[in-house]
Each structure stands twice: as structure tokens, then as C-alpha cells.
């Protein structure tokens, strides 16, 4: 699967999970730790400027595989990340921000030794 296909699938999963018909933009917060453990949560902003949570139950379970696949692609070389923020608006325009959180990585390493 290409990066564009992964982005399309993630974006469509977010849109499908939004309960309101009137919303402006949504954001999915992603963490990938250890050997590919994926967690995520999200929220969206309505036309009335209300912030509402995205029910992760409404997001396709396949999203975990897409995120793992996406995680493996940029990890070639020095572009490692363990957090990402996927933002999408109602016109389908999206942005993905990748972050390396050293503190999170250190905490996971410490907990895995206990």
C-alpha cells in the first residue's frame, strides 16, 4: 500500500466515525510504541465550534495496520516517530505531523524492563 493510500484510508475512517453531519475539522492523535503497539483517540470541531470526541469504536480496526505500515515507511533512516497527529477538514484536505517523543520512548523502555 502506498503512503497516499494509507492517508486516504485513515482520513476516510475518521470521517466515517464522526456522528455529526456539520463539522469543520477533525484530529486523530496517534501513538506507536514498542514493537508496533498502536493507540489513538480523536476529536472534531462542529459548525457550532463545539469540540466532541470521536468514538474509536466507530473507526475501522484496520486503522491499526495502516498506522503500523505508515510507521514502518518513514522509519527508514533517521525519520523515526512515535506520535502523529492526523488532521482532516470537510473538504478532504489533511495534514500529518510526525513527532519523536523521547520521554515517551524512555518511559516505555523503563516499563518493559520491570
N, C-alpha and C. Protein backbone atom coordinates (compact mmCIF):
# COMPACT_ATOMS: atom_id res chain seq x y z
N UNK A 1 0.84 -1.17 0.00
CA UNK A 1 0.00 0.00 0.00
C UNK A 1 0.90 1.24 0.00
N UNK A 2 0.53 2.24 -0.78
CA UNK A 2 1.33 3.47 -0.85
C UNK A 2 0.98 4.38 0.32
N UNK A 3 1.83 5.37 0.56
CA UNK A 3 1.57 6.34 1.62
C UNK A 3 0.24 7.06 1.36
N UNK A 4 0.00 7.44 0.10
CA UNK A 4 -1.24 8.13 -0.24
C UNK A 4 -2.47 7.27 0.05
N UNK A 5 -2.38 5.98 -0.23
CA UNK A 5 -3.49 5.06 0.06
C UNK A 5 -3.71 4.94 1.56
N UNK A 6 -2.63 4.90 2.32
CA UNK A 6 -2.75 4.83 3.78
C UNK A 6 -3.42 6.09 4.30
N UNK A 7 -2.96 7.25 3.83
CA UNK A 7 -3.57 8.52 4.25
C UNK A 7 -5.04 8.57 3.90
N UNK A 8 -5.40 8.13 2.70
CA UNK A 8 -6.79 8.11 2.27
C UNK A 8 -7.63 7.22 3.19
N UNK A 9 -7.12 6.03 3.52
CA UNK A 9 -7.85 5.11 4.38
C UNK A 9 -8.03 5.67 5.79
N UNK A 10 -6.96 6.25 6.34
CA UNK A 10 -7.06 6.84 7.68
C UNK A 10 -8.05 8.00 7.67
N UNK A 11 -7.92 8.88 6.69
CA UNK A 11 -8.84 10.02 6.60
C UNK A 11 -10.29 9.59 6.46
N UNK A 12 -10.55 8.61 5.62
CA UNK A 12 -11.92 8.13 5.42
C UNK A 12 -12.46 7.48 6.69
N UNK A 13 -11.61 6.78 7.42
CA UNK A 13 -12.02 6.16 8.69
C UNK A 13 -12.42 7.21 9.71
N UNK A 14 -11.67 8.31 9.75
CA UNK A 14 -12.00 9.40 10.67
C UNK A 14 -13.35 10.01 10.29
N UNK A 15 -13.52 10.32 9.02
CA UNK A 15 -14.77 10.92 8.55
C UNK A 15 -15.95 10.00 8.84
N UNK A 16 -15.79 8.71 8.59
CA UNK A 16 -16.87 7.74 8.83
C UNK A 16 -17.24 7.64 10.31
N UNK A 17 -16.30 7.95 11.20
CA UNK A 17 -16.53 7.81 12.64
C UNK A 17 -17.21 9.04 13.25
N UNK A 18 -17.32 10.11 12.51
CA UNK A 18 -17.91 11.34 13.05
C UNK A 18 -19.43 11.25 12.98
N UNK A 19 -20.05 11.47 14.13
CA UNK A 19 -21.51 11.33 14.24
C UNK A 19 -22.28 12.52 13.67
N UNK A 20 -21.70 13.71 13.75
CA UNK A 20 -22.39 14.91 13.30
C UNK A 20 -22.24 15.09 11.80
N UNK A 21 -23.30 15.62 11.19
CA UNK A 21 -23.22 15.95 9.77
C UNK A 21 -22.52 17.29 9.56
N UNK A 22 -22.53 18.15 10.57
CA UNK A 22 -21.98 19.50 10.44
C UNK A 22 -20.73 19.61 11.31
N UNK A 23 -19.59 19.51 10.68
CA UNK A 23 -18.32 19.64 11.39
C UNK A 23 -17.32 20.34 10.49
N UNK A 24 -16.28 20.90 11.09
CA UNK A 24 -15.28 21.66 10.34
C UNK A 24 -14.00 20.88 10.11
N UNK A 25 -13.44 20.38 11.19
CA UNK A 25 -12.21 19.60 11.06
C UNK A 25 -12.11 18.60 12.21
N UNK A 26 -11.29 17.60 12.00
CA UNK A 26 -11.11 16.54 12.99
C UNK A 26 -9.63 16.23 13.12
N UNK A 27 -9.28 15.71 14.29
CA UNK A 27 -7.87 15.39 14.55
C UNK A 27 -7.79 14.03 15.25
N UNK A 28 -6.93 13.17 14.72
CA UNK A 28 -6.66 11.88 15.34
C UNK A 28 -5.26 11.93 15.93
N UNK A 29 -5.16 11.65 17.23
CA UNK A 29 -3.89 11.61 17.94
C UNK A 29 -3.43 10.16 17.99
N UNK A 30 -2.24 9.90 17.49
CA UNK A 30 -1.74 8.54 17.32
C UNK A 30 -0.45 8.35 18.11
N UNK A 31 -0.31 7.18 18.76
CA UNK A 31 0.95 6.79 19.38
C UNK A 31 1.29 5.38 18.91
N UNK A 32 2.56 5.18 18.61
CA UNK A 32 3.07 3.85 18.26
C UNK A 32 4.25 3.59 19.18
N UNK A 33 4.17 2.54 19.98
CA UNK A 33 5.23 2.25 20.94
C UNK A 33 5.66 0.79 20.83
N UNK A 34 6.84 0.53 21.38
CA UNK A 34 7.34 -0.84 21.41
C UNK A 34 7.45 -1.43 20.03
N UNK A 35 6.94 -2.62 19.89
CA UNK A 35 7.03 -3.34 18.62
C UNK A 35 5.78 -3.14 17.77
N UNK A 36 5.25 -1.92 17.78
CA UNK A 36 4.11 -1.63 16.92
C UNK A 36 2.78 -1.58 17.63
N UNK A 37 2.78 -1.36 18.94
CA UNK A 37 1.52 -1.20 19.66
C UNK A 37 0.96 0.18 19.31
N UNK A 38 -0.26 0.20 18.82
CA UNK A 38 -0.88 1.43 18.32
C UNK A 38 -2.02 1.84 19.25
N UNK A 39 -2.02 3.11 19.62
CA UNK A 39 -3.17 3.66 20.33
C UNK A 39 -3.56 4.97 19.65
N UNK A 40 -4.82 5.33 19.75
CA UNK A 40 -5.29 6.54 19.11
C UNK A 40 -6.58 7.01 19.77
N UNK A 41 -6.79 8.31 19.68
CA UNK A 41 -8.05 8.93 20.08
C UNK A 41 -8.18 10.19 19.23
N UNK A 42 -9.36 10.75 19.23
CA UNK A 42 -9.53 11.92 18.39
C UNK A 42 -10.70 12.78 18.80
N UNK A 43 -10.78 13.91 18.14
CA UNK A 43 -11.86 14.85 18.38
C UNK A 43 -12.14 15.61 17.10
N UNK A 44 -13.32 16.22 17.09
CA UNK A 44 -13.67 17.05 15.94
C UNK A 44 -14.38 18.30 16.43
N UNK A 45 -14.36 19.31 15.58
CA UNK A 45 -14.99 20.59 15.89
C UNK A 45 -16.23 20.72 15.02
N UNK A 46 -17.37 20.99 15.66
CA UNK A 46 -18.62 21.15 14.93
C UNK A 46 -18.73 22.56 14.35
N UNK A 47 -19.75 22.75 13.53
CA UNK A 47 -20.02 24.08 12.98
C UNK A 47 -20.33 25.09 14.07
N UNK A 48 -20.80 24.61 15.22
CA UNK A 48 -21.11 25.48 16.36
C UNK A 48 -19.89 25.70 17.25
N UNK A 49 -18.73 25.28 16.77
CA UNK A 49 -17.46 25.43 17.48
C UNK A 49 -17.40 24.60 18.77
N UNK A 50 -18.14 23.50 18.81
CA UNK A 50 -18.08 22.57 19.93
C UNK A 50 -17.03 21.51 19.62
N UNK A 51 -16.29 21.12 20.64
CA UNK A 51 -15.33 20.03 20.49
C UNK A 51 -15.98 18.75 20.98
N UNK A 52 -15.97 17.72 20.15
CA UNK A 52 -16.56 16.43 20.51
C UNK A 52 -15.54 15.33 20.25
N UNK A 53 -15.62 14.29 21.06
CA UNK A 53 -14.73 13.14 20.90
C UNK A 53 -15.19 12.27 19.75
N UNK A 54 -14.23 11.72 19.04
CA UNK A 54 -14.53 10.71 18.03
C UNK A 54 -14.58 9.37 18.75
N UNK A 55 -15.63 8.63 18.55
CA UNK A 55 -15.74 7.31 19.16
C UNK A 55 -14.80 6.35 18.41
N UNK A 56 -13.77 5.88 19.10
CA UNK A 56 -12.83 4.98 18.44
C UNK A 56 -13.49 3.66 18.07
N UNK A 57 -14.60 3.35 18.70
CA UNK A 57 -15.36 2.15 18.32
C UNK A 57 -15.88 2.23 16.90
N UNK A 58 -16.08 3.47 16.43
CA UNK A 58 -16.60 3.68 15.08
C UNK A 58 -15.52 3.72 14.01
N UNK A 59 -14.25 3.62 14.43
CA UNK A 59 -13.14 3.63 13.48
C UNK A 59 -12.78 2.19 13.12
N UNK A 60 -12.59 1.95 11.86
CA UNK A 60 -12.23 0.61 11.40
C UNK A 60 -11.02 0.07 12.15
N UNK A 61 -11.09 -1.18 12.56
CA UNK A 61 -9.95 -1.81 13.25
C UNK A 61 -8.73 -1.93 12.33
N UNK A 62 -8.96 -1.85 11.03
CA UNK A 62 -7.85 -1.90 10.08
C UNK A 62 -6.91 -0.71 10.24
N UNK A 63 -7.38 0.35 10.89
CA UNK A 63 -6.55 1.53 11.03
C UNK A 63 -5.24 1.21 11.74
N UNK A 64 -5.27 0.26 12.66
CA UNK A 64 -4.04 -0.13 13.36
C UNK A 64 -3.00 -0.66 12.39
N UNK A 65 -3.43 -1.46 11.44
CA UNK A 65 -2.50 -2.00 10.44
C UNK A 65 -1.97 -0.89 9.53
N UNK A 66 -2.84 0.04 9.14
CA UNK A 66 -2.41 1.14 8.28
C UNK A 66 -1.39 2.02 9.01
N UNK A 67 -1.64 2.26 10.30
CA UNK A 67 -0.71 3.08 11.09
C UNK A 67 0.63 2.36 11.22
N UNK A 68 0.61 1.06 11.50
CA UNK A 68 1.86 0.30 11.59
C UNK A 68 2.63 0.37 10.27
N UNK A 69 1.91 0.22 9.18
CA UNK A 69 2.55 0.28 7.86
C UNK A 69 3.14 1.67 7.62
N UNK A 70 2.39 2.70 7.96
CA UNK A 70 2.88 4.07 7.84
C UNK A 70 4.10 4.29 8.73
N UNK A 71 4.06 3.73 9.90
CA UNK A 71 5.17 3.86 10.86
C UNK A 71 6.44 3.23 10.30
N UNK A 72 6.30 2.14 9.60
CA UNK A 72 7.47 1.45 9.04
C UNK A 72 8.09 2.22 7.87
N UNK A 73 7.30 2.93 7.11
CA UNK A 73 7.81 3.63 5.93
C UNK A 73 8.77 4.76 6.29
N UNK A 74 8.35 5.76 7.08
CA UNK A 74 9.27 6.85 7.39
C UNK A 74 10.40 6.45 8.34
N UNK A 75 10.28 5.31 8.98
CA UNK A 75 11.31 4.90 9.94
C UNK A 75 12.60 4.47 9.26
N UNK A 76 12.60 4.37 7.96
CA UNK A 76 13.84 4.06 7.26
C UNK A 76 14.73 5.29 7.36
N UNK A 77 15.91 5.13 7.92
CA UNK A 77 16.80 6.28 8.11
C UNK A 77 16.58 6.93 9.46
N UNK A 78 16.69 8.23 9.50
CA UNK A 78 16.60 8.96 10.76
C UNK A 78 15.23 9.58 11.03
N UNK A 79 14.23 9.21 10.31
CA UNK A 79 12.92 9.83 10.43
C UNK A 79 11.98 9.06 11.35
N UNK A 80 12.46 8.67 12.52
CA UNK A 80 11.60 7.88 13.41
C UNK A 80 10.60 8.78 14.11
N UNK A 81 9.45 8.21 14.43
CA UNK A 81 8.40 8.92 15.14
C UNK A 81 7.64 7.93 16.00
N UNK A 82 7.07 8.42 17.08
CA UNK A 82 6.22 7.59 17.92
C UNK A 82 4.88 8.26 18.22
N UNK A 83 4.72 9.49 17.75
CA UNK A 83 3.45 10.20 17.83
C UNK A 83 3.16 10.84 16.47
N UNK A 84 1.89 10.90 16.16
CA UNK A 84 1.47 11.59 14.94
C UNK A 84 0.11 12.23 15.18
N UNK A 85 -0.13 13.31 14.47
CA UNK A 85 -1.41 13.99 14.52
C UNK A 85 -1.93 14.10 13.10
N UNK A 86 -3.05 13.45 12.84
CA UNK A 86 -3.67 13.44 11.52
C UNK A 86 -4.89 14.35 11.59
N UNK A 87 -4.84 15.47 10.86
CA UNK A 87 -5.92 16.44 10.85
C UNK A 87 -6.56 16.44 9.47
N UNK A 88 -7.90 16.48 9.45
CA UNK A 88 -8.63 16.49 8.17
C UNK A 88 -9.80 17.46 8.29
N UNK A 89 -10.12 18.13 7.18
CA UNK A 89 -11.28 19.01 7.18
C UNK A 89 -12.37 18.43 6.29
N UNK A 90 -13.51 19.12 6.23
CA UNK A 90 -14.66 18.59 5.48
C UNK A 90 -14.44 18.56 3.98
N UNK A 91 -13.47 19.32 3.48
CA UNK A 91 -13.15 19.29 2.05
C UNK A 91 -12.19 18.14 1.71
N UNK A 92 -11.75 17.40 2.73
CA UNK A 92 -10.85 16.28 2.50
C UNK A 92 -9.38 16.64 2.55
N UNK A 93 -9.06 17.89 2.83
CA UNK A 93 -7.66 18.28 2.95
C UNK A 93 -7.15 17.80 4.30
N UNK A 94 -5.96 17.24 4.28
CA UNK A 94 -5.43 16.69 5.51
C UNK A 94 -3.98 17.12 5.71
N UNK A 95 -3.54 16.99 6.93
CA UNK A 95 -2.17 17.26 7.31
C UNK A 95 -1.76 16.20 8.32
N UNK A 96 -0.52 15.74 8.20
CA UNK A 96 0.00 14.76 9.15
C UNK A 96 1.28 15.32 9.74
N UNK A 97 1.32 15.37 11.05
CA UNK A 97 2.51 15.85 11.76
C UNK A 97 3.10 14.67 12.54
N UNK A 98 4.37 14.38 12.29
CA UNK A 98 5.06 13.28 12.96
C UNK A 98 6.01 13.85 14.02
N UNK A 99 6.03 13.21 15.19
CA UNK A 99 6.84 13.70 16.31
C UNK A 99 7.57 12.52 16.94
N UNK A 100 8.82 12.77 17.33
CA UNK A 100 9.56 11.81 18.15
C UNK A 100 9.52 12.31 19.58
N UNK A 101 8.88 11.57 20.48
CA UNK A 101 8.76 11.92 21.88
C UNK A 101 9.74 11.05 22.67
N UNK A 102 10.89 11.61 22.95
CA UNK A 102 11.95 10.86 23.66
C UNK A 102 11.48 10.43 25.04
N UNK A 103 10.74 11.28 25.72
CA UNK A 103 10.25 10.95 27.06
C UNK A 103 9.33 9.73 27.03
N UNK A 104 8.45 9.66 26.05
CA UNK A 104 7.57 8.51 25.89
C UNK A 104 8.39 7.26 25.63
N UNK A 105 9.37 7.36 24.75
CA UNK A 105 10.22 6.21 24.42
C UNK A 105 10.97 5.72 25.65
N UNK A 106 11.51 6.64 26.44
CA UNK A 106 12.25 6.27 27.65
C UNK A 106 11.33 5.58 28.66
N UNK A 107 10.13 6.11 28.82
CA UNK A 107 9.16 5.52 29.76
C UNK A 107 8.76 4.11 29.33
N UNK A 108 8.52 3.91 28.06
CA UNK A 108 8.16 2.58 27.55
C UNK A 108 9.32 1.61 27.77
N UNK A 109 10.52 2.04 27.51
CA UNK A 109 11.71 1.19 27.72
C UNK A 109 11.84 0.84 29.19
N UNK A 110 11.62 1.80 30.07
CA UNK A 110 11.73 1.54 31.50
C UNK A 110 10.65 0.54 31.96
N UNK A 111 9.44 0.74 31.51
CA UNK A 111 8.35 -0.15 31.91
C UNK A 111 8.54 -1.57 31.36
N UNK A 112 9.14 -1.68 30.20
CA UNK A 112 9.33 -3.02 29.61
C UNK A 112 10.38 -3.83 30.36
N UNK A 113 11.21 -3.16 31.17
CA UNK A 113 12.23 -3.85 31.95
C UNK A 113 11.73 -4.30 33.31
N UNK A 114 10.59 -3.78 33.71
CA UNK A 114 10.04 -4.14 35.04
C UNK A 114 9.35 -5.47 35.02
